[in-house]
Protein backbone atom coordinates (compact mmCIF):
# COMPACT_ATOMS: atom_id res chain seq x y z
CA MET A 1 -12.34 -13.19 10.22
CA ARG A 2 -9.37 -10.82 10.55
CA MET A 3 -9.34 -11.26 14.32
CA TYR A 4 -8.97 -15.01 13.92
CA TRP A 5 -6.20 -15.03 11.30
CA ALA A 6 -4.31 -12.17 12.95
CA LYS A 7 -4.31 -14.03 16.26
CA LYS A 8 -2.99 -17.13 14.49
CA ILE A 9 -0.12 -15.02 13.12
CA LEU A 10 0.61 -13.91 16.70
CA GLU A 11 0.81 -17.58 17.74
CA TRP A 12 3.14 -18.47 14.88
CA THR A 13 5.65 -15.62 15.09
CA SER A 14 8.41 -14.79 17.54
CA SER A 15 7.09 -11.37 18.63
CA PRO A 16 3.98 -9.17 18.55
CA GLU A 17 5.92 -6.69 16.40
CA GLU A 18 6.60 -9.33 13.76
CA ALA A 19 2.98 -10.53 13.91
CA LEU A 20 1.66 -7.00 13.46
CA SER A 21 3.96 -6.33 10.51
CA ILE A 22 2.83 -9.52 8.74
CA ALA A 23 -0.85 -8.92 9.55
CA ILE A 24 -0.77 -5.37 8.16
CA PHE A 25 1.03 -6.57 5.02
CA LEU A 26 -1.53 -9.32 4.40
CA ASN A 27 -4.46 -7.07 5.27
CA ASP A 28 -3.25 -4.39 2.85
CA ARG A 29 -2.58 -6.90 0.09
CA TYR A 30 -5.75 -9.00 0.27
CA SER A 31 -8.44 -7.14 2.23
CA LEU A 32 -11.16 -4.83 1.02
CA ASP A 33 -10.17 -2.32 3.71
CA GLY A 34 -6.42 -2.62 3.09
CA CYS A 35 -4.51 0.65 3.63
CA ASP A 36 -7.59 2.03 5.42
CA PRO A 37 -7.45 3.12 9.09
CA ASN A 38 -10.04 0.44 9.92
CA GLY A 39 -7.65 -2.24 8.65
CA TYR A 40 -4.83 -0.97 10.86
CA VAL A 41 -7.08 -0.74 13.93
CA GLY A 42 -8.44 -4.24 13.26
CA CYS A 43 -4.91 -5.66 13.19
CA MET A 44 -3.95 -3.67 16.31
CA TRP A 45 -7.09 -4.86 18.15
CA SER A 46 -6.35 -8.49 17.28
CA ILE A 47 -2.63 -8.48 18.09
CA CYS A 48 -2.06 -5.55 20.47
CA GLY A 49 -5.42 -5.32 22.23
CA ILE A 50 -5.99 -1.67 21.29
CA HIS A 51 -9.49 -0.49 22.31
CA ASP A 52 -10.04 -3.74 24.25
CA MET A 53 -10.06 -4.62 27.93
CA GLY A 54 -7.37 -6.81 29.43
CA TRP A 55 -8.16 -10.51 29.65
CA ALA A 56 -6.76 -13.30 31.84
CA GLU A 57 -3.01 -13.76 31.41
CA ARG A 58 -2.09 -16.68 29.14
CA PRO A 59 1.04 -17.89 27.31
CA VAL A 60 1.84 -16.18 23.98
CA PHE A 61 -1.14 -13.81 24.20
CA GLY A 62 -0.49 -12.18 27.56
CA LYS A 63 -3.68 -10.25 28.33
CA ILE A 64 -4.80 -10.05 24.69
CA ARG A 65 -8.22 -11.51 23.86
CA TYR A 66 -7.89 -15.15 22.74
CA MET A 67 -9.83 -16.70 19.87
CA ASN A 68 -9.75 -20.29 18.67
CA TYR A 69 -11.47 -21.91 15.68
CA ASP A 70 -14.62 -22.69 17.69
CA GLY A 71 -14.87 -19.02 18.64
CA CYS A 72 -14.41 -18.05 15.01
CA LYS A 73 -17.23 -20.40 13.96
CA ARG A 74 -19.55 -18.87 16.59
CA LYS A 75 -18.93 -15.35 15.27
CA PHE A 76 -18.78 -16.06 11.52
CA ASP A 77 -20.34 -18.45 9.03
CA VAL A 78 -17.00 -19.95 7.98
CA ALA A 79 -18.56 -22.27 5.38
CA GLN A 80 -20.33 -19.33 3.70
CA PHE A 81 -17.09 -17.32 3.73
CA GLU A 82 -15.24 -20.20 2.04
CA ARG A 83 -17.98 -20.61 -0.60
CA LEU A 84 -18.02 -16.90 -1.39
CA TYR A 85 -14.29 -16.30 -1.58
CA SER A 86 -13.25 -19.59 -3.19
CA LYS A 87 -15.22 -18.49 -6.29
CA MET A 88 -13.22 -15.27 -6.63
CA GLY A 89 -10.06 -16.93 -7.96
CA LEU A 90 -6.62 -15.41 -7.70
CA CYS A 91 -6.22 -11.86 -6.45
CA LYS A 92 -4.03 -9.38 -8.28
CA GLY A 93 -0.43 -10.07 -7.33
CA GLU A 94 -1.14 -13.54 -5.97
CA GLU A 95 0.35 -15.12 -9.11
CA GLU A 96 3.77 -13.62 -8.28
CA ALA A 97 3.60 -14.90 -4.70
CA GLN A 98 2.82 -18.38 -5.98
CA GLU A 99 5.82 -18.21 -8.29
CA GLY A 100 8.16 -17.86 -5.32
CA GLU A 101 7.90 -14.20 -4.34
CA ALA A 102 8.54 -13.80 -0.63
CA LEU A 103 5.89 -12.10 1.45
């Protein structure tokens, strides 16, 4: 799932550096592997293409591997993910963010 949401951040930001900064922040705050080397490499793979081959050149992504929602659904059971994590409720610190804390 990280590859999908990190690539969406790349689409929505003005630079890969900004996308990586946001992805690492969100990964550290909400992910089970936050602050772990695997989390950093996962973000770098998704946004920077580290440990990946070059792909066909395309706007925004350059030669970074592209993934859309259909690709995400092929790799992950999105409905199961939503069922599992929607039951967990608010994460620690999420209350502050909802009260207007900037990311």
